[in-house]
Amino acid sequence: MKGFLFVDGNCPNASFWITKQGSISMKYHKDLIGCVVLDPKNRSDLLIKMILESNPKDIIWTTEYLNNLG
């Protein structure tokens, strides 16, 4: 997704974190996928809404998958 970078592992400066099952966490956890907002015009709250509305349990979420979207 343009304007976002998804990082495996230790990413304390991410805007939010995603589990492999597609759950969202607003609290830092070193073992989750971190979402870094590269473009300040992008809104992470809209991305979170899109993820949660996409039936996240039907997908295995990886950094490769997320970084190749859009």
PDB file of N, CA and C in Angstrom:
ATOM      1  N   MET A   1       0.850  -1.171   0.000  1.00  0.00           N
ATOM      2  CA  MET A   1       0.000   0.000   0.000  1.00  0.00           C
ATOM      3  C   MET A   1       0.893   1.232   0.000  1.00  0.00           C
ATOM      4  N   LYS A   2       0.601   2.105  -0.903  1.00  0.00           N
ATOM      5  CA  LYS A   2       1.417   3.303  -0.997  1.00  0.00           C
ATOM      6  C   LYS A   2       1.248   4.164   0.253  1.00  0.00           C
ATOM      7  N   GLY A   3       2.368   4.671   0.730  1.00  0.00           N
ATOM      8  CA  GLY A   3       2.342   5.543   1.891  1.00  0.00           C
ATOM      9  C   GLY A   3       2.426   4.822   3.222  1.00  0.00           C
ATOM     10  N   PHE A   4       2.456   3.479   3.175  1.00  0.00           N
ATOM     11  CA  PHE A   4       2.579   2.679   4.394  1.00  0.00           C
ATOM     12  C   PHE A   4       3.701   1.661   4.202  1.00  0.00           C
ATOM     13  N   LEU A   5       4.393   1.354   5.266  1.00  0.00           N
ATOM     14  CA  LEU A   5       5.411   0.312   5.245  1.00  0.00           C
ATOM     15  C   LEU A   5       5.120  -0.639   6.394  1.00  0.00           C
ATOM     16  N   PHE A   6       5.063  -1.923   6.081  1.00  0.00           N
ATOM     17  CA  PHE A   6       4.795  -2.937   7.099  1.00  0.00           C
ATOM     18  C   PHE A   6       6.103  -3.642   7.427  1.00  0.00           C
ATOM     19  N   VAL A   7       6.383  -3.754   8.728  1.00  0.00           N
ATOM     20  CA  VAL A   7       7.676  -4.239   9.199  1.00  0.00           C
ATOM     21  C   VAL A   7       7.470  -5.384  10.180  1.00  0.00           C
ATOM     22  N   ASP A   8       8.230  -6.463   9.976  1.00  0.00           N
ATOM     23  CA  ASP A   8       8.199  -7.582  10.923  1.00  0.00           C
ATOM     24  C   ASP A   8       8.999  -7.251  12.170  1.00  0.00           C
ATOM     25  N   GLY A   9       8.540  -7.749  13.279  1.00  0.00           N
ATOM     26  CA  GLY A   9       9.326  -7.692  14.507  1.00  0.00           C
ATOM     27  C   GLY A   9       9.313  -6.365  15.216  1.00  0.00           C
ATOM     28  N   ASN A  10      10.433  -6.036  15.784  1.00  0.00           N
ATOM     29  CA  ASN A  10      10.589  -4.922  16.703  1.00  0.00           C
ATOM     30  C   ASN A  10      10.460  -3.574  15.991  1.00  0.00           C
ATOM     31  N   CYS A  11       9.283  -2.967  16.053  1.00  0.00           N
ATOM     32  CA  CYS A  11       9.025  -1.677  15.410  1.00  0.00           C
ATOM     33  C   CYS A  11       8.233  -0.783  16.363  1.00  0.00           C
ATOM     34  N   PRO A  12       8.890  -0.217  17.374  1.00  0.00           N
ATOM     35  CA  PRO A  12       8.168   0.568  18.386  1.00  0.00           C
ATOM     36  C   PRO A  12       7.583   1.876  17.862  1.00  0.00           C
ATOM     37  N   ASN A  13       8.024   2.368  16.705  1.00  0.00           N
ATOM     38  CA  ASN A  13       7.525   3.642  16.181  1.00  0.00           C
ATOM     39  C   ASN A  13       6.368   3.492  15.196  1.00  0.00           C
ATOM     40  N   ALA A  14       5.811   2.308  15.096  1.00  0.00           N
ATOM     41  CA  ALA A  14       4.690   2.088  14.179  1.00  0.00           C
ATOM     42  C   ALA A  14       3.441   2.802  14.684  1.00  0.00           C
ATOM     43  N   SER A  15       2.511   3.036  13.766  1.00  0.00           N
ATOM     44  CA  SER A  15       1.231   3.670  14.128  1.00  0.00           C
ATOM     45  C   SER A  15       0.293   2.672  14.784  1.00  0.00           C
ATOM     46  N   PHE A  16       0.359   1.412  14.298  1.00  0.00           N
ATOM     47  CA  PHE A  16      -0.417   0.327  14.883  1.00  0.00           C
ATOM     48  C   PHE A  16       0.244  -0.977  14.500  1.00  0.00           C
ATOM     49  N   TRP A  17      -0.240  -2.082  15.056  1.00  0.00           N
ATOM     50  CA  TRP A  17       0.358  -3.393  14.828  1.00  0.00           C
ATOM     51  C   TRP A  17      -0.728  -4.374  14.427  1.00  0.00           C
ATOM     52  N   ILE A  18      -0.336  -5.367  13.609  1.00  0.00           N
ATOM     53  CA  ILE A  18      -1.272  -6.364  13.099  1.00  0.00           C
ATOM     54  C   ILE A  18      -0.756  -7.751  13.470  1.00  0.00           C
ATOM     55  N   THR A  19      -1.672  -8.604  13.923  1.00  0.00           N
ATOM     56  CA  THR A  19      -1.305  -9.998  14.183  1.00  0.00           C
ATOM     57  C   THR A  19      -1.385 -10.774  12.874  1.00  0.00           C
ATOM     58  N   LYS A  20      -0.843 -11.972  12.865  1.00  0.00           N
ATOM     59  CA  LYS A  20      -0.901 -12.838  11.670  1.00  0.00           C
ATOM     60  C   LYS A  20      -2.343 -13.201  11.319  1.00  0.00           C
ATOM     61  N   GLN A  21      -3.266 -13.060  12.291  1.00  0.00           N
ATOM     62  CA  GLN A  21      -4.680 -13.362  12.059  1.00  0.00           C
ATOM     63  C   GLN A  21      -5.485 -12.122  11.658  1.00  0.00           C
ATOM     64  N   GLY A  22      -4.853 -10.962  11.594  1.00  0.00           N
ATOM     65  CA  GLY A  22      -5.534  -9.757  11.162  1.00  0.00           C
ATOM     66  C   GLY A  22      -6.132  -8.909  12.269  1.00  0.00           C
ATOM     67  N   SER A  23      -5.856  -9.237  13.518  1.00  0.00           N
ATOM     68  CA  SER A  23      -6.315  -8.387  14.615  1.00  0.00           C
ATOM     69  C   SER A  23      -5.414  -7.157  14.698  1.00  0.00           C
ATOM     70  N   ILE A  24      -5.985  -6.063  15.146  1.00  0.00           N
ATOM     71  CA  ILE A  24      -5.259  -4.795  15.251  1.00  0.00           C
ATOM     72  C   ILE A  24      -4.956  -4.505  16.718  1.00  0.00           C
ATOM     73  N   SER A  25      -3.747  -4.014  16.956  1.00  0.00           N
ATOM     74  CA  SER A  25      -3.371  -3.583  18.297  1.00  0.00           C
ATOM     75  C   SER A  25      -2.826  -2.166  18.208  1.00  0.00           C
ATOM     76  N   MET A  26      -3.258  -1.326  19.121  1.00  0.00           N
ATOM     77  CA  MET A  26      -2.736   0.030  19.190  1.00  0.00           C
ATOM     78  C   MET A  26      -1.570   0.114  20.177  1.00  0.00           C
ATOM     79  N   LYS A  27      -1.303  -0.986  20.869  1.00  0.00           N
ATOM     80  CA  LYS A  27      -0.194  -1.053  21.821  1.00  0.00           C
ATOM     81  C   LYS A  27       0.966  -1.790  21.182  1.00  0.00           C
ATOM     82  N   TYR A  28       2.161  -1.283  21.434  1.00  0.00           N
ATOM     83  CA  TYR A  28       3.372  -1.888  20.887  1.00  0.00           C
ATOM     84  C   TYR A  28       3.565  -3.310  21.387  1.00  0.00           C
ATOM     85  N   HIS A  29       3.902  -4.185  20.460  1.00  0.00           N
ATOM     86  CA  HIS A  29       4.276  -5.552  20.802  1.00  0.00           C
ATOM     87  C   HIS A  29       5.367  -5.963  19.823  1.00  0.00           C
ATOM     88  N   LYS A  30       6.502  -6.387  20.334  1.00  0.00           N
ATOM     89  CA  LYS A  30       7.677  -6.628  19.494  1.00  0.00           C
ATOM     90  C   LYS A  30       7.508  -7.770  18.496  1.00  0.00           C
ATOM     91  N   ASP A  31       6.536  -8.659  18.674  1.00  0.00           N
ATOM     92  CA  ASP A  31       6.379  -9.802  17.787  1.00  0.00           C
ATOM     93  C   ASP A  31       5.301  -9.614  16.725  1.00  0.00           C
ATOM     94  N   LEU A  32       4.684  -8.449  16.667  1.00  0.00           N
ATOM     95  CA  LEU A  32       3.622  -8.210  15.684  1.00  0.00           C
ATOM     96  C   LEU A  32       4.166  -7.447  14.482  1.00  0.00           C
ATOM     97  N   ILE A  33       3.374  -7.389  13.418  1.00  0.00           N
ATOM     98  CA  ILE A  33       3.719  -6.622  12.221  1.00  0.00           C
ATOM     99  C   ILE A  33       3.394  -5.157  12.498  1.00  0.00           C
ATOM    100  N   GLY A  34       4.380  -4.294  12.378  1.00  0.00           N
ATOM    101  CA  GLY A  34       4.172  -2.872  12.608  1.00  0.00           C
ATOM    102  C   GLY A  34       3.835  -2.148  11.321  1.00  0.00           C
ATOM    103  N   CYS A  35       2.956  -1.172  11.393  1.00  0.00           N
ATOM    104  CA  CYS A  35       2.597  -0.341  10.243  1.00  0.00           C
ATOM    105  C   CYS A  35       3.158   1.062  10.451  1.00  0.00           C
ATOM    106  N   VAL A  36       4.108   1.434   9.593  1.00  0.00           N
ATOM    107  CA  VAL A  36       4.714   2.756   9.645  1.00  0.00           C
ATOM    108  C   VAL A  36       4.071   3.602   8.552  1.00  0.00           C
ATOM    109  N   VAL A  37       3.599   4.778   8.917  1.00  0.00           N
ATOM    110  CA  VAL A  37       2.989   5.694   7.949  1.00  0.00           C
ATOM    111  C   VAL A  37       4.107   6.534   7.334  1.00  0.00           C
ATOM    112  N   LEU A  38       4.334   6.357   6.033  1.00  0.00           N
ATOM    113  CA  LEU A  38       5.391   7.091   5.338  1.00  0.00           C
ATOM    114  C   LEU A  38       4.923   8.435   4.815  1.00  0.00           C
ATOM    115  N   ASP A  39       3.655   8.524   4.465  1.00  0.00           N
ATOM    116  CA  ASP A  39       3.081   9.745   3.916  1.00  0.00           C
ATOM    117  C   ASP A  39       2.100  10.319   4.928  1.00  0.00           C
ATOM    118  N   PRO A  40       2.382  11.493   5.471  1.00  0.00           N
ATOM    119  CA  PRO A  40       1.509  12.066   6.510  1.00  0.00           C
ATOM    120  C   PRO A  40       0.083  12.350   6.036  1.00  0.00           C
ATOM    121  N   LYS A  41      -0.150  12.364   4.716  1.00  0.00           N
ATOM    122  CA  LYS A  41      -1.502  12.570   4.203  1.00  0.00           C
ATOM    123  C   LYS A  41      -2.358  11.309   4.338  1.00  0.00           C
ATOM    124  N   ASN A  42      -1.720  10.166   4.531  1.00  0.00           N
ATOM    125  CA  ASN A  42      -2.467   8.911   4.688  1.00  0.00           C
ATOM    126  C   ASN A  42      -2.971   8.783   6.121  1.00  0.00           C
ATOM    127  N   ARG A  43      -4.177   8.294   6.243  1.00  0.00           N
ATOM    128  CA  ARG A  43      -4.794   8.145   7.562  1.00  0.00           C
ATOM    129  C   ARG A  43      -4.787   6.673   7.952  1.00  0.00           C
ATOM    130  N   SER A  44      -4.093   6.369   9.034  1.00  0.00           N
ATOM    131  CA  SER A  44      -4.019   4.980   9.482  1.00  0.00           C
ATOM    132  C   SER A  44      -5.374   4.475   9.974  1.00  0.00           C
ATOM    133  N   ASP A  45      -6.242   5.366  10.463  1.00  0.00           N
ATOM    134  CA  ASP A  45      -7.550   4.910  10.932  1.00  0.00           C
ATOM    135  C   ASP A  45      -8.391   4.346   9.782  1.00  0.00           C
ATOM    136  N   LEU A  46      -8.256   4.908   8.576  1.00  0.00           N
ATOM    137  CA  LEU A  46      -8.986   4.373   7.427  1.00  0.00           C
ATOM    138  C   LEU A  46      -8.432   3.020   7.006  1.00  0.00           C
ATOM    139  N   LEU A  47      -7.120   2.868   7.085  1.00  0.00           N
ATOM    140  CA  LEU A  47      -6.501   1.585   6.760  1.00  0.00           C
ATOM    141  C   LEU A  47      -6.936   0.516   7.756  1.00  0.00           C
ATOM    142  N   ILE A  48      -6.975   0.861   9.024  1.00  0.00           N
ATOM    143  CA  ILE A  48      -7.441  -0.083  10.048  1.00  0.00           C
ATOM    144  C   ILE A  48      -8.867  -0.522   9.752  1.00  0.00           C
ATOM    145  N   LYS A  49      -9.714   0.422   9.401  1.00  0.00           N
ATOM    146  CA  LYS A  49     -11.105   0.099   9.083  1.00  0.00           C
ATOM    147  C   LYS A  49     -11.181  -0.848   7.887  1.00  0.00           C
ATOM    148  N   MET A  50     -10.381  -0.594   6.862  1.00  0.00           N
ATOM    149  CA  MET A  50     -10.362  -1.463   5.682  1.00  0.00           C
ATOM    150  C   MET A  50      -9.918  -2.880   6.046  1.00  0.00           C
ATOM    151  N   ILE A  51      -8.899  -2.987   6.889  1.00  0.00           N
ATOM    152  CA  ILE A  51      -8.403  -4.302   7.301  1.00  0.00           C
ATOM    153  C   ILE A  51      -9.479  -5.059   8.068  1.00  0.00           C
ATOM    154  N   LEU A  52     -10.102  -4.392   9.009  1.00  0.00           N
ATOM    155  CA  LEU A  52     -11.111  -5.053   9.838  1.00  0.00           C
ATOM    156  C   LEU A  52     -12.364  -5.439   9.048  1.00  0.00           C
ATOM    157  N   GLU A  53     -12.685  -4.682   8.008  1.00  0.00           N
ATOM    158  CA  GLU A  53     -13.858  -4.986   7.189  1.00  0.00           C
ATOM    159  C   GLU A  53     -13.586  -6.029   6.108  1.00  0.00           C
ATOM    160  N   SER A  54     -12.333  -6.463   5.974  1.00  0.00           N
ATOM    161  CA  SER A  54     -11.965  -7.381   4.894  1.00  0.00           C
ATOM    162  C   SER A  54     -12.017  -8.845   5.306  1.00  0.00           C
ATOM    163  N   ASN A  55     -12.709  -9.163   6.391  1.00  0.00           N
ATOM    164  CA  ASN A  55     -12.724 -10.526   6.922  1.00  0.00           C
ATOM    165  C   ASN A  55     -11.293 -11.001   7.181  1.00  0.00           C
ATOM    166  N   PRO A  56     -10.589 -10.329   8.086  1.00  0.00           N
ATOM    167  CA  PRO A  56      -9.164 -10.592   8.280  1.00  0.00           C
ATOM    168  C   PRO A  56      -8.818 -12.021   8.663  1.00  0.00           C
ATOM    169  N   LYS A  57      -9.749 -12.764   9.210  1.00  0.00           N
ATOM    170  CA  LYS A  57      -9.439 -14.136   9.607  1.00  0.00           C
ATOM    171  C   LYS A  57      -9.325 -15.065   8.402  1.00  0.00           C
ATOM    172  N   ASP A  58      -9.781 -14.604   7.213  1.00  0.00           N
ATOM    173  CA  ASP A  58      -9.690 -15.405   5.994  1.00  0.00           C
ATOM    174  C   ASP A  58      -8.323 -15.292   5.323  1.00  0.00           C
ATOM    175  N   ILE A  59      -7.451 -14.444   5.850  1.00  0.00           N
ATOM    176  CA  ILE A  59      -6.154 -14.160   5.241  1.00  0.00           C
ATOM    177  C   ILE A  59      -5.057 -14.424   6.267  1.00  0.00           C
ATOM    178  N   ILE A  60      -3.927 -14.935   5.805  1.00  0.00           N
ATOM    179  CA  ILE A  60      -2.743 -15.005   6.672  1.00  0.00           C
ATOM    180  C   ILE A  60      -1.945 -13.735   6.393  1.00  0.00           C
ATOM    181  N   TRP A  61      -1.877 -12.865   7.369  1.00  0.00           N
ATOM    182  CA  TRP A  61      -1.272 -11.554   7.208  1.00  0.00           C
ATOM    183  C   TRP A  61       0.240 -11.645   7.385  1.00  0.00           C
ATOM    184  N   THR A  62       0.962 -11.205   6.382  1.00  0.00           N
ATOM    185  CA  THR A  62       2.425 -11.156   6.428  1.00  0.00           C
ATOM    186  C   THR A  62       2.870  -9.789   5.937  1.00  0.00           C
ATOM    187  N   THR A  63       4.100  -9.420   6.229  1.00  0.00           N
ATOM    188  CA  THR A  63       4.612  -8.142   5.730  1.00  0.00           C
ATOM    189  C   THR A  63       4.680  -8.157   4.207  1.00  0.00           C
ATOM    190  N   GLU A  64       5.046  -9.289   3.630  1.00  0.00           N
ATOM    191  CA  GLU A  64       5.117  -9.391   2.168  1.00  0.00           C
ATOM    192  C   GLU A  64       3.739  -9.146   1.545  1.00  0.00           C
ATOM    193  N   TYR A  65       2.718  -9.794   2.085  1.00  0.00           N
ATOM    194  CA  TYR A  65       1.349  -9.623   1.586  1.00  0.00           C
ATOM    195  C   TYR A  65       0.920  -8.161   1.694  1.00  0.00           C
ATOM    196  N   LEU A  66       1.118  -7.555   2.854  1.00  0.00           N
ATOM    197  CA  LEU A  66       0.674  -6.179   3.091  1.00  0.00           C
ATOM    198  C   LEU A  66       1.434  -5.176   2.231  1.00  0.00           C
ATOM    199  N   ASN A  67       2.752  -5.361   2.107  1.00  0.00           N
ATOM    200  CA  ASN A  67       3.549  -4.421   1.316  1.00  0.00           C
ATOM    201  C   ASN A  67       3.282  -4.544  -0.184  1.00  0.00           C
ATOM    202  N   ASN A  68       2.707  -5.660  -0.634  1.00  0.00           N
ATOM    203  CA  ASN A  68       2.402  -5.843  -2.051  1.00  0.00           C
ATOM    204  C   ASN A  68       0.980  -5.434  -2.421  1.00  0.00           C
ATOM    205  N   LEU A  69       0.159  -5.067  -1.445  1.00  0.00           N
ATOM    206  CA  LEU A  69      -1.207  -4.609  -1.731  1.00  0.00           C
ATOM    207  C   LEU A  69      -1.176  -3.231  -2.377  1.00  0.00           C
ATOM    208  N   GLY A  70      -2.094  -2.998  -3.285  1.00  0.00           N
ATOM    209  CA  GLY A  70      -2.297  -1.682  -3.868  1.00  0.00           C
ATOM    210  C   GLY A  70      -1.140  -1.143  -4.593  1.00  0.00           C
TER     211      GLY A  70
END
